[in-house]
Structures are given as structure tokens and as C-alpha cells.
Amino acid sequence: MPGFGPADLLDCYRDGIFPMADSADDPSLFLVDPPLRANIPLQGFHVPRRLKRLVRQGKFEITIDRDFHKVVAMCAAPAPDRDNTWINRPIRWLYGELFEMGHAHSVECRLEGELAGGLYGVSLGGAFFGESMFSRASNASKVALVHLVARLITGGFRLLDAQFMTRHLSQFGTEEVTAEIYKQRLAEAVAIDADFHRLAENASGAQALQSIGQTS
């Protein structure tokens, strides 16, 4: 998409649109405005009992924005359950630029210092748009999601968009809403100020669960 830069991408997010590619090797991208959107609730986020126990144990070290580019690369890489992804070189460049602008963030799970899972997404006002996640250790991406939700709640965010509904997301109470409802929520969320870094980076699993529990 000639001339399409990070400022254009932010405008797309404000309008409820996001980019994708047909494959990681495809040099082009296209914009998506789906009729249904998956929204993960920040009020009433459900943490399954087994996952809650894992988060509280603190098996993973959680870091924020330390390895953004590597998280994106790991999300783009083939995995046992997927031969290819939609994250191509132009998309990686765009989100790298948003990261430098302070609009993209990563949540990382580490085991013995090495990345074991994580996720990345875009923040705009009080809205956060989850883009992709990966796991190289069991449940690592789910733990990252719990810490993300705690961070968004603490920071005063109003909306967590997950784009498309999946079985993986449904266990957290994710709801599918029409584009009309989504865009109403989006307009309200982007109009407010929120702080992705209000929660301390070294917040424990117990502290993350406490933040979530206060709203569930």
C-alpha cells in the first residue's frame, strides 16, 4: 500500500479498521473492517481457575516493552499449530514505528530470561487493540493476557479489542458485538486518556489478579 505510514495506521484504528496480509511472504497488505468484533471485557474479565493458579505461582517473569520487535517476530514465525501467519514485513515495519511513537506495546513472559510467550498490540487513548500472541511454553500467552488486562484496568482503559472471536478467547468472557456497537465503544474509548505504564512492571501475579478481581 504505497505511502501508507504509521499515522495512517492510527487513523485506521480510530475508524475501527486494521491491516492484514495474506501471508508472511506477501509484500502487500489490506485493510479489514469486519461486521463483528471480539471484545475482551475489562469489567468482568474471567480467569479460569487453573490459569489463576498458574498466574499466582509466578512461574513466568513478566516484562513490558523490553523485546517488542522479538515478540512481533515470534508472533510472525511458524508454529506447530500454524504453518504461516499474516504478519509480513510491511506490517512489522508499521508496528515497529508505532512502538517508537509509544503507541504499540508488548507483554512478555520469560523463563530463565528467555522469551517463552507474549503478545503485542496498539494503544490509542483508552483503547487497546490486541494484535497477536505466541507461546513457546504451555499457557504463556494466556498469562501474558491476564497481565495485559490488569495493566489496562489499572491504567484506566475502556476497551480491549481482539478483532476476531476464537475458542481460545471465549474462555475469558469475550463477547462478539456488531461493528456499529464496537465503533460506538471505540469512539468513547479513544476520547479519554489512559496510561499503559501506570501498573508497575514488576507487579506480581497476585497483584495482577487483585486488579482484575476488583472489577469482576
C-alpha atoms as a PDB file:
ATOM      1  CA  MET A   1       0.000   0.000   0.000  1.00  0.00           C
ATOM      2  CA  PRO A   2       2.148   2.921  -1.308  1.00  0.00           C
ATOM      3  CA  GLY A   3       2.517   5.872   1.029  1.00  0.00           C
ATOM      4  CA  PHE A   4       0.766   4.139   3.938  1.00  0.00           C
ATOM      5  CA  GLY A   5       2.575   5.055   7.157  1.00  0.00           C
ATOM      6  CA  PRO A   6       2.136   4.845  10.934  1.00  0.00           C
ATOM      7  CA  ALA A   7      -0.024   7.994  11.121  1.00  0.00           C
ATOM      8  CA  ASP A   8      -2.362   6.453   8.534  1.00  0.00           C
ATOM      9  CA  LEU A   9      -2.463   3.268  10.580  1.00  0.00           C
ATOM     10  CA  LEU A  10      -3.523   5.169  13.707  1.00  0.00           C
ATOM     11  CA  ASP A  11      -6.281   6.849  11.701  1.00  0.00           C
ATOM     12  CA  CYS A  12      -7.465   3.391  10.645  1.00  0.00           C
ATOM     13  CA  TYR A  13      -7.634   2.266  14.258  1.00  0.00           C
ATOM     14  CA  ARG A  14      -9.681   5.345  15.140  1.00  0.00           C
ATOM     15  CA  ASP A  15     -12.127   4.285  12.422  1.00  0.00           C
ATOM     16  CA  GLY A  16     -12.271   0.648  13.573  1.00  0.00           C
ATOM     17  CA  ILE A  17     -10.132  -0.714  10.735  1.00  0.00           C
ATOM     18  CA  PHE A  18      -6.934  -2.767  10.923  1.00  0.00           C
ATOM     19  CA  PRO A  19      -4.407  -4.194   8.425  1.00  0.00           C
ATOM     20  CA  MET A  20      -3.681  -7.794   7.485  1.00  0.00           C
ATOM     21  CA  ALA A  21      -1.731  -9.659   4.801  1.00  0.00           C
ATOM     22  CA  ASP A  22      -2.465 -12.923   3.015  1.00  0.00           C
ATOM     23  CA  SER A  23       0.779 -14.441   4.332  1.00  0.00           C
ATOM     24  CA  ALA A  24       4.077 -13.521   5.942  1.00  0.00           C
ATOM     25  CA  ASP A  25       5.701 -13.612   2.487  1.00  0.00           C
ATOM     26  CA  ASP A  26       3.139 -11.341   0.836  1.00  0.00           C
ATOM     27  CA  PRO A  27       4.672  -7.885   0.205  1.00  0.00           C
ATOM     28  CA  SER A  28       1.282  -6.140   0.331  1.00  0.00           C
ATOM     29  CA  LEU A  29      -1.384  -5.577   2.964  1.00  0.00           C
ATOM     30  CA  PHE A  30      -5.093  -4.859   3.013  1.00  0.00           C
ATOM     31  CA  LEU A  31      -7.477  -3.195   5.449  1.00  0.00           C
ATOM     32  CA  VAL A  32     -10.202  -5.095   7.303  1.00  0.00           C
ATOM     33  CA  ASP A  33     -13.480  -3.734   8.680  1.00  0.00           C
ATOM     34  CA  PRO A  34     -15.313  -6.890   9.852  1.00  0.00           C
ATOM     35  CA  PRO A  35     -19.058  -6.901  10.592  1.00  0.00           C
ATOM     36  CA  LEU A  36     -18.449  -8.497  14.015  1.00  0.00           C
ATOM     37  CA  ARG A  37     -15.760  -7.729  16.576  1.00  0.00           C
ATOM     38  CA  ALA A  38     -14.486  -9.673  19.574  1.00  0.00           C
ATOM     39  CA  ASN A  39     -14.182  -7.508  22.689  1.00  0.00           C
ATOM     40  CA  ILE A  40     -12.483  -8.842  25.806  1.00  0.00           C
ATOM     41  CA  PRO A  41     -14.256  -7.337  28.835  1.00  0.00           C
ATOM     42  CA  LEU A  42     -12.186  -5.266  31.214  1.00  0.00           C
ATOM     43  CA  GLN A  43     -15.119  -5.264  33.617  1.00  0.00           C
ATOM     44  CA  GLY A  44     -15.822  -8.895  34.448  1.00  0.00           C
ATOM     45  CA  PHE A  45     -12.795 -10.483  32.756  1.00  0.00           C
ATOM     46  CA  HIS A  46     -12.932 -14.205  33.601  1.00  0.00           C
ATOM     47  CA  VAL A  47      -9.745 -16.004  34.630  1.00  0.00           C
ATOM     48  CA  PRO A  48     -10.206 -19.808  34.615  1.00  0.00           C
ATOM     49  CA  ARG A  49      -9.284 -21.441  37.908  1.00  0.00           C
ATOM     50  CA  ARG A  50      -6.268 -23.368  36.618  1.00  0.00           C
ATOM     51  CA  LEU A  51      -4.875 -20.292  34.891  1.00  0.00           C
ATOM     52  CA  LYS A  52      -5.442 -18.211  38.016  1.00  0.00           C
ATOM     53  CA  ARG A  53      -3.332 -20.684  39.980  1.00  0.00           C
ATOM     54  CA  LEU A  54      -0.536 -20.503  37.374  1.00  0.00           C
ATOM     55  CA  VAL A  55      -0.541 -16.692  37.383  1.00  0.00           C
ATOM     56  CA  ARG A  56      -0.395 -16.597  41.181  1.00  0.00           C
ATOM     57  CA  GLN A  57       2.549 -19.045  41.226  1.00  0.00           C
ATOM     58  CA  GLY A  58       4.678 -16.585  39.286  1.00  0.00           C
ATOM     59  CA  LYS A  59       6.258 -19.223  37.061  1.00  0.00           C
ATOM     60  CA  PHE A  60       6.992 -16.607  34.397  1.00  0.00           C
ATOM     61  CA  GLU A  61       8.879 -13.359  34.766  1.00  0.00           C
ATOM     62  CA  ILE A  62       6.729 -10.634  33.198  1.00  0.00           C
ATOM     63  CA  THR A  63       8.375  -7.755  31.334  1.00  0.00           C
ATOM     64  CA  ILE A  64       6.862  -4.865  29.393  1.00  0.00           C
ATOM     65  CA  ASP A  65       8.164  -3.396  26.120  1.00  0.00           C
ATOM     66  CA  ARG A  66      11.645  -4.865  26.572  1.00  0.00           C
ATOM     67  CA  ASP A  67      11.591  -7.097  23.492  1.00  0.00           C
ATOM     68  CA  PHE A  68       8.834  -5.656  21.311  1.00  0.00           C
ATOM     69  CA  HIS A  69      10.468  -6.470  17.983  1.00  0.00           C
ATOM     70  CA  LYS A  70      11.286 -10.015  19.047  1.00  0.00           C
ATOM     71  CA  VAL A  71       7.704 -10.576  20.242  1.00  0.00           C
ATOM     72  CA  VAL A  72       6.404  -9.475  16.841  1.00  0.00           C
ATOM     73  CA  ALA A  73       8.932 -11.749  15.130  1.00  0.00           C
ATOM     74  CA  MET A  74       7.864 -14.699  17.290  1.00  0.00           C
ATOM     75  CA  CYS A  75       4.202 -13.991  16.535  1.00  0.00           C
ATOM     76  CA  ALA A  76       5.085 -13.957  12.829  1.00  0.00           C
ATOM     77  CA  ALA A  77       7.042 -17.217  12.945  1.00  0.00           C
ATOM     78  CA  PRO A  78       5.521 -20.604  12.005  1.00  0.00           C
ATOM     79  CA  ALA A  79       4.408 -22.751  14.938  1.00  0.00           C
ATOM     80  CA  PRO A  80       3.145 -26.340  15.349  1.00  0.00           C
ATOM     81  CA  ASP A  81      -0.463 -25.173  15.056  1.00  0.00           C
ATOM     82  CA  ARG A  82       0.126 -22.785  12.125  1.00  0.00           C
ATOM     83  CA  ASP A  83       2.344 -23.029   9.069  1.00  0.00           C
ATOM     84  CA  ASN A  84       2.050 -19.356   8.207  1.00  0.00           C
ATOM     85  CA  THR A  85       0.821 -16.060   9.633  1.00  0.00           C
ATOM     86  CA  TRP A  86      -0.489 -12.756   8.289  1.00  0.00           C
ATOM     87  CA  ILE A  87       2.367 -10.705   9.782  1.00  0.00           C
ATOM     88  CA  ASN A  88       4.512  -9.666   6.835  1.00  0.00           C
ATOM     89  CA  ARG A  89       7.432  -7.246   6.507  1.00  0.00           C
ATOM     90  CA  PRO A  90       5.341  -4.055   5.946  1.00  0.00           C
ATOM     91  CA  ILE A  91       3.215  -4.867   8.997  1.00  0.00           C
ATOM     92  CA  ARG A  92       6.308  -5.490  11.108  1.00  0.00           C
ATOM     93  CA  TRP A  93       7.716  -2.124   9.988  1.00  0.00           C
ATOM     94  CA  LEU A  94       4.465  -0.268  10.712  1.00  0.00           C
ATOM     95  CA  TYR A  95       4.128  -1.635  14.234  1.00  0.00           C
ATOM     96  CA  GLY A  96       7.806  -1.023  14.902  1.00  0.00           C
ATOM     97  CA  GLU A  97       7.180   2.629  14.047  1.00  0.00           C
ATOM     98  CA  LEU A  98       4.141   2.728  16.348  1.00  0.00           C
ATOM     99  CA  PHE A  99       6.315   1.276  19.105  1.00  0.00           C
ATOM    100  CA  GLU A 100       8.834   4.093  18.663  1.00  0.00           C
ATOM    101  CA  MET A 101       5.917   6.549  18.868  1.00  0.00           C
ATOM    102  CA  GLY A 102       4.697   4.993  22.142  1.00  0.00           C
ATOM    103  CA  HIS A 103       1.505   3.585  20.604  1.00  0.00           C
ATOM    104  CA  ALA A 104       2.494  -0.096  20.468  1.00  0.00           C
ATOM    105  CA  HIS A 105       3.383  -2.313  23.404  1.00  0.00           C
ATOM    106  CA  SER A 106       4.385  -5.845  24.249  1.00  0.00           C
ATOM    107  CA  VAL A 107       3.822  -8.036  27.291  1.00  0.00           C
ATOM    108  CA  GLU A 108       6.489 -10.709  27.605  1.00  0.00           C
ATOM    109  CA  CYS A 109       6.662 -13.953  29.599  1.00  0.00           C
ATOM    110  CA  ARG A 110      10.141 -15.248  30.326  1.00  0.00           C
ATOM    111  CA  LEU A 111      11.558 -18.478  31.662  1.00  0.00           C
ATOM    112  CA  GLU A 112      15.159 -18.239  32.862  1.00  0.00           C
ATOM    113  CA  GLY A 113      15.458 -14.978  30.987  1.00  0.00           C
ATOM    114  CA  GLU A 114      14.311 -16.341  27.634  1.00  0.00           C
ATOM    115  CA  LEU A 115      11.074 -15.389  25.892  1.00  0.00           C
ATOM    116  CA  ALA A 116       8.516 -18.139  26.427  1.00  0.00           C
ATOM    117  CA  GLY A 117       5.431 -16.286  25.248  1.00  0.00           C
ATOM    118  CA  GLY A 118       3.871 -12.897  24.881  1.00  0.00           C
ATOM    119  CA  LEU A 119       1.638 -10.568  22.942  1.00  0.00           C
ATOM    120  CA  TYR A 120       1.641  -7.161  21.330  1.00  0.00           C
ATOM    121  CA  GLY A 121      -0.906  -4.540  20.409  1.00  0.00           C
ATOM    122  CA  VAL A 122      -1.692  -0.883  19.900  1.00  0.00           C
ATOM    123  CA  SER A 123      -2.887   1.713  22.419  1.00  0.00           C
ATOM    124  CA  LEU A 124      -4.846   4.781  21.442  1.00  0.00           C
ATOM    125  CA  GLY A 125      -6.470   6.871  24.145  1.00  0.00           C
ATOM    126  CA  GLY A 126      -8.359   4.440  26.360  1.00  0.00           C
ATOM    127  CA  ALA A 127      -8.489   1.683  23.748  1.00  0.00           C
ATOM    128  CA  PHE A 128      -6.089  -1.209  23.298  1.00  0.00           C
ATOM    129  CA  PHE A 129      -6.094  -3.341  20.165  1.00  0.00           C
ATOM    130  CA  GLY A 130      -4.638  -6.809  20.666  1.00  0.00           C
ATOM    131  CA  GLU A 131      -2.818  -7.891  17.531  1.00  0.00           C
ATOM    132  CA  SER A 132      -1.192 -11.282  18.092  1.00  0.00           C
ATOM    133  CA  MET A 133       0.233 -13.589  20.737  1.00  0.00           C
ATOM    134  CA  PHE A 134       2.529 -16.602  20.881  1.00  0.00           C
ATOM    135  CA  SER A 135       3.540 -19.368  23.262  1.00  0.00           C
ATOM    136  CA  ARG A 136       6.694 -21.437  23.411  1.00  0.00           C
ATOM    137  CA  ALA A 137       5.732 -22.759  26.847  1.00  0.00           C
ATOM    138  CA  SER A 138       2.343 -24.031  27.944  1.00  0.00           C
ATOM    139  CA  ASN A 139      -0.141 -21.231  28.748  1.00  0.00           C
ATOM    140  CA  ALA A 140       2.449 -18.468  28.418  1.00  0.00           C
ATOM    141  CA  SER A 141       0.284 -16.337  26.115  1.00  0.00           C
ATOM    142  CA  LYS A 142      -2.672 -16.727  28.478  1.00  0.00           C
ATOM    143  CA  VAL A 143      -0.561 -15.496  31.392  1.00  0.00           C
ATOM    144  CA  ALA A 144       0.518 -12.531  29.248  1.00  0.00           C
ATOM    145  CA  LEU A 145      -3.130 -11.749  28.534  1.00  0.00           C
ATOM    146  CA  VAL A 146      -4.001 -11.744  32.248  1.00  0.00           C
ATOM    147  CA  HIS A 147      -1.182  -9.300  32.939  1.00  0.00           C
ATOM    148  CA  LEU A 148      -2.281  -7.160  29.999  1.00  0.00           C
ATOM    149  CA  VAL A 149      -5.840  -6.934  31.299  1.00  0.00           C
ATOM    150  CA  ALA A 150      -4.602  -5.990  34.787  1.00  0.00           C
ATOM    151  CA  ARG A 151      -2.435  -3.286  33.227  1.00  0.00           C
ATOM    152  CA  LEU A 152      -5.302  -1.898  31.168  1.00  0.00           C
ATOM    153  CA  ILE A 153      -7.662  -1.842  34.140  1.00  0.00           C
ATOM    154  CA  THR A 154      -5.097  -0.073  36.318  1.00  0.00           C
ATOM    155  CA  GLY A 155      -4.299   2.388  33.543  1.00  0.00           C
ATOM    156  CA  GLY A 156      -7.917   3.425  33.043  1.00  0.00           C
ATOM    157  CA  PHE A 157      -8.533   1.809  29.646  1.00  0.00           C
ATOM    158  CA  ARG A 158     -12.114   1.249  28.493  1.00  0.00           C
ATOM    159  CA  LEU A 159     -11.798  -1.136  25.523  1.00  0.00           C
ATOM    160  CA  LEU A 160      -9.779  -4.245  24.659  1.00  0.00           C
ATOM    161  CA  ASP A 161     -10.384  -5.261  21.058  1.00  0.00           C
ATOM    162  CA  ALA A 162      -9.382  -8.761  19.970  1.00  0.00           C
ATOM    163  CA  GLN A 163     -10.625  -8.451  16.384  1.00  0.00           C
ATOM    164  CA  PHE A 164     -11.983 -11.983  15.754  1.00  0.00           C
ATOM    165  CA  MET A 165     -13.656 -14.409  18.162  1.00  0.00           C
ATOM    166  CA  THR A 166     -11.845 -17.699  18.791  1.00  0.00           C
ATOM    167  CA  ARG A 167     -12.405 -20.616  21.142  1.00  0.00           C
ATOM    168  CA  HIS A 168      -9.219 -19.579  22.928  1.00  0.00           C
ATOM    169  CA  LEU A 169     -10.655 -16.123  23.679  1.00  0.00           C
ATOM    170  CA  SER A 170     -14.167 -17.259  24.612  1.00  0.00           C
ATOM    171  CA  GLN A 171     -12.976 -18.726  27.936  1.00  0.00           C
ATOM    172  CA  PHE A 172     -12.239 -15.201  29.202  1.00  0.00           C
ATOM    173  CA  GLY A 173     -15.775 -13.945  28.700  1.00  0.00           C
ATOM    174  CA  THR A 174     -15.040 -12.362  25.324  1.00  0.00           C
ATOM    175  CA  GLU A 175     -18.148 -11.110  23.567  1.00  0.00           C
ATOM    176  CA  GLU A 176     -18.823 -10.666  19.879  1.00  0.00           C
ATOM    177  CA  VAL A 177     -20.531  -7.393  19.009  1.00  0.00           C
ATOM    178  CA  THR A 178     -21.663  -5.749  15.803  1.00  0.00           C
ATOM    179  CA  ALA A 179     -19.430  -3.226  14.069  1.00  0.00           C
ATOM    180  CA  GLU A 180     -21.920  -0.497  14.978  1.00  0.00           C
ATOM    181  CA  ILE A 181     -21.717  -1.251  18.694  1.00  0.00           C
ATOM    182  CA  TYR A 182     -17.965  -1.667  18.502  1.00  0.00           C
ATOM    183  CA  LYS A 183     -17.456   1.704  16.846  1.00  0.00           C
ATOM    184  CA  GLN A 184     -19.609   3.401  19.481  1.00  0.00           C
ATOM    185  CA  ARG A 185     -17.433   1.862  22.196  1.00  0.00           C
ATOM    186  CA  LEU A 186     -14.320   2.771  20.249  1.00  0.00           C
ATOM    187  CA  ALA A 187     -15.272   6.443  19.899  1.00  0.00           C
ATOM    188  CA  GLU A 188     -15.865   6.684  23.650  1.00  0.00           C
ATOM    189  CA  ALA A 189     -12.611   4.896  24.488  1.00  0.00           C
ATOM    190  CA  VAL A 190     -10.219   6.815  22.230  1.00  0.00           C
ATOM    191  CA  ALA A 191     -11.566  10.124  23.575  1.00  0.00           C
ATOM    192  CA  ILE A 192     -10.168   9.516  27.067  1.00  0.00           C
ATOM    193  CA  ASP A 193      -6.638   9.472  28.456  1.00  0.00           C
ATOM    194  CA  ALA A 194      -5.195   6.215  29.775  1.00  0.00           C
ATOM    195  CA  ASP A 195      -1.752   5.144  30.985  1.00  0.00           C
ATOM    196  CA  PHE A 196      -0.334   1.797  29.876  1.00  0.00           C
ATOM    197  CA  HIS A 197       2.560   2.106  32.341  1.00  0.00           C
ATOM    198  CA  ARG A 198       0.594   3.018  35.469  1.00  0.00           C
ATOM    199  CA  LEU A 199       0.913  -0.543  36.789  1.00  0.00           C
ATOM    200  CA  ALA A 200       4.479  -1.256  37.890  1.00  0.00           C
ATOM    201  CA  GLU A 201       6.373  -3.557  35.551  1.00  0.00           C
ATOM    202  CA  ASN A 202       7.350  -5.803  38.458  1.00  0.00           C
ATOM    203  CA  ALA A 203       3.728  -6.289  39.573  1.00  0.00           C
ATOM    204  CA  SER A 204       3.286  -9.860  40.757  1.00  0.00           C
ATOM    205  CA  GLY A 205       0.710 -12.326  39.524  1.00  0.00           C
ATOM    206  CA  ALA A 206      -1.176 -11.886  42.779  1.00  0.00           C
ATOM    207  CA  GLN A 207      -1.279  -8.110  42.246  1.00  0.00           C
ATOM    208  CA  ALA A 208      -2.488  -8.569  38.667  1.00  0.00           C
ATOM    209  CA  LEU A 209      -5.285 -10.855  39.823  1.00  0.00           C
ATOM    210  CA  GLN A 210      -6.235  -8.399  42.560  1.00  0.00           C
ATOM    211  CA  SER A 211      -6.597  -5.617  39.954  1.00  0.00           C
ATOM    212  CA  ILE A 212      -8.823  -7.838  37.867  1.00  0.00           C
ATOM    213  CA  GLY A 213     -10.808  -9.054  40.853  1.00  0.00           C
ATOM    214  CA  GLN A 214     -11.761  -5.524  41.828  1.00  0.00           C
ATOM    215  CA  THR A 215     -13.703  -5.169  38.571  1.00  0.00           C
ATOM    216  CA  SER A 216     -15.142  -8.685  38.121  1.00  0.00           C
END
